[in-house]
């Protein structure tokens, strides 16, 4: 659960970063 949550959070942050570019 923790690894998946962390992985999802990382992907979410990357997506937001790309969209905010």
PDB file of N, CA and C in Angstrom:
ATOM      1  N   UNK A   1       0.857  -1.205   0.000  1.00  0.00           N
ATOM      2  CA  UNK A   1       0.000   0.000   0.000  1.00  0.00           C
ATOM      3  C   UNK A   1       0.886   1.247   0.000  1.00  0.00           C
ATOM      4  N   UNK A   2       1.869   1.254   0.881  1.00  0.00           N
ATOM      5  CA  UNK A   2       2.731   2.440   0.963  1.00  0.00           C
ATOM      6  C   UNK A   2       3.506   2.674  -0.338  1.00  0.00           C
ATOM      7  N   UNK A   3       4.179   1.649  -0.881  1.00  0.00           N
ATOM      8  CA  UNK A   3       4.928   1.835  -2.128  1.00  0.00           C
ATOM      9  C   UNK A   3       4.023   2.335  -3.251  1.00  0.00           C
ATOM     10  N   UNK A   4       2.825   1.752  -3.353  1.00  0.00           N
ATOM     11  CA  UNK A   4       1.903   2.163  -4.419  1.00  0.00           C
ATOM     12  C   UNK A   4       1.501   3.621  -4.223  1.00  0.00           C
ATOM     13  N   UNK A   5       1.228   3.988  -2.978  1.00  0.00           N
ATOM     14  CA  UNK A   5       0.817   5.374  -2.703  1.00  0.00           C
ATOM     15  C   UNK A   5       1.944   6.337  -3.075  1.00  0.00           C
ATOM     16  N   UNK A   6       3.153   5.971  -2.666  1.00  0.00           N
ATOM     17  CA  UNK A   6       4.289   6.836  -2.957  1.00  0.00           C
ATOM     18  C   UNK A   6       4.483   6.946  -4.469  1.00  0.00           C
ATOM     19  N   UNK A   7       4.377   5.814  -5.173  1.00  0.00           N
ATOM     20  CA  UNK A   7       4.555   5.819  -6.622  1.00  0.00           C
ATOM     21  C   UNK A   7       3.481   6.688  -7.281  1.00  0.00           C
ATOM     22  N   UNK A   8       2.239   6.554  -6.812  1.00  0.00           N
ATOM     23  CA  UNK A   8       1.155   7.345  -7.394  1.00  0.00           C
ATOM     24  C   UNK A   8       1.382   8.825  -7.134  1.00  0.00           C
ATOM     25  N   UNK A   9       1.864   9.152  -5.946  1.00  0.00           N
ATOM     26  CA  UNK A   9       2.129  10.547  -5.605  1.00  0.00           C
ATOM     27  C   UNK A   9       3.225  11.100  -6.513  1.00  0.00           C
ATOM     28  N   UNK A  10       4.248  10.300  -6.758  1.00  0.00           N
ATOM     29  CA  UNK A  10       5.341  10.750  -7.614  1.00  0.00           C
ATOM     30  C   UNK A  10       4.814  11.033  -9.016  1.00  0.00           C
ATOM     31  N   UNK A  11       4.028  10.102  -9.550  1.00  0.00           N
ATOM     32  CA  UNK A  11       3.472  10.299 -10.886  1.00  0.00           C
ATOM     33  C   UNK A  11       2.577  11.521 -10.935  1.00  0.00           C
ATOM     34  N   UNK A  12       1.812  11.731  -9.846  1.00  0.00           N
ATOM     35  CA  UNK A  12       0.914  12.885  -9.803  1.00  0.00           C
ATOM     36  C   UNK A  12       1.720  14.175  -9.826  1.00  0.00           C
ATOM     37  N   UNK A  13       2.783  14.221  -9.040  1.00  0.00           N
ATOM     38  CA  UNK A  13       3.617  15.430  -9.003  1.00  0.00           C
ATOM     39  C   UNK A  13       4.255  15.680 -10.359  1.00  0.00           C
ATOM     40  N   UNK A  14       4.714  14.612 -11.013  1.00  0.00           N
ATOM     41  CA  UNK A  14       5.331  14.766 -12.339  1.00  0.00           C
ATOM     42  C   UNK A  14       4.299  15.285 -13.333  1.00  0.00           C
ATOM     43  N   UNK A  15       3.074  14.729 -13.275  1.00  0.00           N
ATOM     44  CA  UNK A  15       2.017  15.165 -14.194  1.00  0.00           C
ATOM     45  C   UNK A  15       1.710  16.639 -13.978  1.00  0.00           C
ATOM     46  N   UNK A  16       1.585  17.042 -12.717  1.00  0.00           N
ATOM     47  CA  UNK A  16       1.286  18.445 -12.423  1.00  0.00           C
ATOM     48  C   UNK A  16       2.418  19.333 -12.927  1.00  0.00           C
ATOM     49  N   UNK A  17       3.665  18.877 -12.752  1.00  0.00           N
ATOM     50  CA  UNK A  17       4.819  19.657 -13.197  1.00  0.00           C
ATOM     51  C   UNK A  17       4.776  19.851 -14.714  1.00  0.00           C
ATOM     52  N   UNK A  18       4.463  18.774 -15.428  1.00  0.00           N
ATOM     53  CA  UNK A  18       4.420  18.861 -16.896  1.00  0.00           C
ATOM     54  C   UNK A  18       3.280  19.783 -17.328  1.00  0.00           C
ATOM     55  N   UNK A  19       2.127  19.677 -16.648  1.00  0.00           N
ATOM     56  CA  UNK A  19       0.980  20.505 -17.032  1.00  0.00           C
ATOM     57  C   UNK A  19       1.210  21.962 -16.667  1.00  0.00           C
ATOM     58  N   UNK A  20       2.017  22.204 -15.640  1.00  0.00           N
ATOM     59  CA  UNK A  20       2.285  23.582 -15.222  1.00  0.00           C
ATOM     60  C   UNK A  20       3.414  24.187 -16.034  1.00  0.00           C
ATOM     61  N   UNK A  21       4.038  23.366 -16.899  1.00  0.00           N
ATOM     62  CA  UNK A  21       5.112  23.903 -17.720  1.00  0.00           C
ATOM     63  C   UNK A  21       4.482  24.890 -18.690  1.00  0.00           C
TER      64      UNK A  21
END
